[in-house]
C-alpha atoms as a PDB file:
ATOM      1  CA  UNK A   1     156.935 180.398 117.861  1.00  0.00           C
ATOM      2  CA  UNK A   2     158.627 181.293 121.139  1.00  0.00           C
ATOM      3  CA  UNK A   3     155.854 183.677 122.068  1.00  0.00           C
ATOM      4  CA  UNK A   4     153.322 180.846 121.841  1.00  0.00           C
ATOM      5  CA  UNK A   5     155.487 178.702 124.090  1.00  0.00           C
ATOM      6  CA  UNK A   6     155.703 181.518 126.670  1.00  0.00           C
ATOM      7  CA  UNK A   7     151.938 182.043 126.507  1.00  0.00           C
ATOM      8  CA  UNK A   8     151.357 178.309 127.037  1.00  0.00           C
ATOM      9  CA  UNK A   9     153.820 178.098 129.933  1.00  0.00           C
ATOM     10  CA  UNK A  10     152.303 181.176 131.564  1.00  0.00           C
ATOM     11  CA  UNK A  11     148.769 179.795 131.183  1.00  0.00           C
ATOM     12  CA  UNK A  12     149.832 176.470 132.711  1.00  0.00           C
ATOM     13  CA  UNK A  13     151.563 178.234 135.606  1.00  0.00           C
ATOM     14  CA  UNK A  14     148.491 180.370 136.316  1.00  0.00           C
ATOM     15  CA  UNK A  15     146.252 177.280 136.171  1.00  0.00           C
ATOM     16  CA  UNK A  16     148.565 175.432 138.578  1.00  0.00           C
ATOM     17  CA  UNK A  17     148.594 178.380 140.986  1.00  0.00           C
ATOM     18  CA  UNK A  18     144.800 178.639 140.915  1.00  0.00           C
ATOM     19  CA  UNK A  19     144.454 174.914 141.615  1.00  0.00           C
ATOM     20  CA  UNK A  20     147.085 175.132 144.346  1.00  0.00           C
ATOM     21  CA  UNK A  21     145.237 177.931 146.129  1.00  0.00           C
ATOM     22  CA  UNK A  22     141.900 176.116 145.809  1.00  0.00           C
ATOM     23  CA  UNK A  23     143.310 172.816 147.130  1.00  0.00           C
ATOM     24  CA  UNK A  24     145.592 174.054 149.908  1.00  0.00           C
ATOM     25  CA  UNK A  25     144.601 171.336 152.357  1.00  0.00           C
ATOM     26  CA  UNK A  26     147.014 169.316 154.458  1.00  0.00           C
ATOM     27  CA  UNK A  27     147.212 165.641 153.541  1.00  0.00           C
ATOM     28  CA  UNK A  28     148.962 162.872 155.501  1.00  0.00           C
ATOM     29  CA  UNK A  29     152.267 161.719 154.061  1.00  0.00           C
ATOM     30  CA  UNK A  30     154.197 158.738 155.451  1.00  0.00           C
ATOM     31  CA  UNK A  31     157.978 159.148 155.494  1.00  0.00           C
ATOM     32  CA  UNK A  32     160.266 156.139 154.909  1.00  0.00           C
ATOM     33  CA  UNK A  33     160.952 155.844 158.654  1.00  0.00           C
ATOM     34  CA  UNK A  34     157.198 155.461 159.290  1.00  0.00           C
ATOM     35  CA  UNK A  35     156.502 158.937 160.659  1.00  0.00           C
ATOM     36  CA  UNK A  36     153.385 160.736 159.433  1.00  0.00           C
ATOM     37  CA  UNK A  37     153.736 164.331 158.262  1.00  0.00           C
ATOM     38  CA  UNK A  38     150.944 166.660 157.187  1.00  0.00           C
ATOM     39  CA  UNK A  39     151.903 168.413 153.940  1.00  0.00           C
ATOM     40  CA  UNK A  40     149.905 170.791 151.760  1.00  0.00           C
ATOM     41  CA  UNK A  41     148.625 168.976 148.680  1.00  0.00           C
ATOM     42  CA  UNK A  42     150.243 171.342 146.104  1.00  0.00           C
ATOM     43  CA  UNK A  43     153.623 170.942 147.791  1.00  0.00           C
ATOM     44  CA  UNK A  44     153.297 167.163 147.663  1.00  0.00           C
ATOM     45  CA  UNK A  45     152.266 167.209 143.993  1.00  0.00           C
ATOM     46  CA  UNK A  46     155.056 169.629 143.085  1.00  0.00           C
ATOM     47  CA  UNK A  47     157.604 167.406 144.825  1.00  0.00           C
ATOM     48  CA  UNK A  48     156.294 164.347 142.973  1.00  0.00           C
ATOM     49  CA  UNK A  49     156.544 166.232 139.671  1.00  0.00           C
ATOM     50  CA  UNK A  50     160.143 167.292 140.343  1.00  0.00           C
ATOM     51  CA  UNK A  51     161.052 163.756 141.467  1.00  0.00           C
ATOM     52  CA  UNK A  52     159.863 162.406 138.114  1.00  0.00           C
ATOM     53  CA  UNK A  53     161.111 165.227 135.906  1.00  0.00           C
ATOM     54  CA  UNK A  54     164.613 165.805 137.289  1.00  0.00           C
ATOM     55  CA  UNK A  55     166.159 162.361 136.548  1.00  0.00           C
ATOM     56  CA  UNK A  56     164.732 162.399 133.025  1.00  0.00           C
ATOM     57  CA  UNK A  57     166.096 165.884 132.401  1.00  0.00           C
ATOM     58  CA  UNK A  58     169.544 164.921 133.717  1.00  0.00           C
ATOM     59  CA  UNK A  59     169.542 161.834 131.474  1.00  0.00           C
ATOM     60  CA  UNK A  60     168.676 164.052 128.499  1.00  0.00           C
ATOM     61  CA  UNK A  61     171.559 166.410 129.268  1.00  0.00           C
ATOM     62  CA  UNK A  62     173.986 163.482 129.549  1.00  0.00           C
ATOM     63  CA  UNK A  63     172.782 161.930 126.298  1.00  0.00           C
ATOM     64  CA  UNK A  64     173.056 165.233 124.442  1.00  0.00           C
ATOM     65  CA  UNK A  65     176.616 165.738 125.716  1.00  0.00           C
ATOM     66  CA  UNK A  66     177.598 162.218 124.642  1.00  0.00           C
ATOM     67  CA  UNK A  67     176.092 162.651 121.189  1.00  0.00           C
ATOM     68  CA  UNK A  68     177.766 166.047 120.720  1.00  0.00           C
ATOM     69  CA  UNK A  69     181.107 164.536 121.675  1.00  0.00           C
ATOM     70  CA  UNK A  70     180.631 161.644 119.216  1.00  0.00           C
ATOM     71  CA  UNK A  71     179.568 164.035 116.457  1.00  0.00           C
ATOM     72  CA  UNK A  72     182.594 166.239 117.045  1.00  0.00           C
ATOM     73  CA  UNK A  73     184.847 163.189 116.855  1.00  0.00           C
ATOM     74  CA  UNK A  74     183.329 161.920 113.600  1.00  0.00           C
ATOM     75  CA  UNK A  75     183.298 165.335 111.950  1.00  0.00           C
ATOM     76  CA  UNK A  76     187.094 165.494 112.194  1.00  0.00           C
ATOM     77  CA  UNK A  77     187.497 162.203 110.305  1.00  0.00           C
ATOM     78  CA  UNK A  78     187.883 162.170 106.533  1.00  0.00           C
ATOM     79  CA  UNK A  79     185.033 159.900 105.428  1.00  0.00           C
ATOM     80  CA  UNK A  80     185.571 160.243 101.650  1.00  0.00           C
ATOM     81  CA  UNK A  81     186.606 157.063  99.814  1.00  0.00           C
ATOM     82  CA  UNK A  82     190.221 156.991  98.706  1.00  0.00           C
ATOM     83  CA  UNK A  83     190.884 158.145  95.159  1.00  0.00           C
ATOM     84  CA  UNK A  84     191.556 155.415  92.600  1.00  0.00           C
ATOM     85  CA  UNK A  85     194.830 155.451  90.696  1.00  0.00           C
ATOM     86  CA  UNK A  86     194.570 157.033  87.245  1.00  0.00           C
ATOM     87  CA  UNK A  87     195.452 153.740  85.504  1.00  0.00           C
ATOM     88  CA  UNK A  88     192.972 151.571  87.410  1.00  0.00           C
ATOM     89  CA  UNK A  89     191.398 148.831  85.280  1.00  0.00           C
ATOM     90  CA  UNK A  90     188.112 147.116  86.076  1.00  0.00           C
ATOM     91  CA  UNK A  91     188.293 143.548  87.286  1.00  0.00           C
ATOM     92  CA  UNK A  92     186.486 141.047  85.074  1.00  0.00           C
ATOM     93  CA  UNK A  93     184.994 138.131  86.969  1.00  0.00           C
ATOM     94  CA  UNK A  94     184.036 135.074  84.852  1.00  0.00           C
ATOM     95  CA  UNK A  95     180.573 133.527  85.367  1.00  0.00           C
ATOM     96  CA  UNK A  96     180.338 130.791  88.002  1.00  0.00           C
ATOM     97  CA  UNK A  97     179.345 127.984  85.626  1.00  0.00           C
ATOM     98  CA  UNK A  98     182.152 128.445  83.095  1.00  0.00           C
END
């Protein structure tokens, strides 16, 4: 299954590189201070992708670490019910109307 993932990732990378070469035109980009900068379109799109992907990836790593820590804590607990004494007798509860 890993080979298919590598083939897919390689195909996507080649497609992105071909599109980047074909669309290497400078586009205006306004910085927060109001200045205009001319950036190549693939660089701008790559930066936008990283800006959206990176926080999500960091959140995933943090969540996985938290869940692993919780799982490690619960796996050390003894979750079996306590054993009943050998002479335990069932409790008989009379009906409500009697």
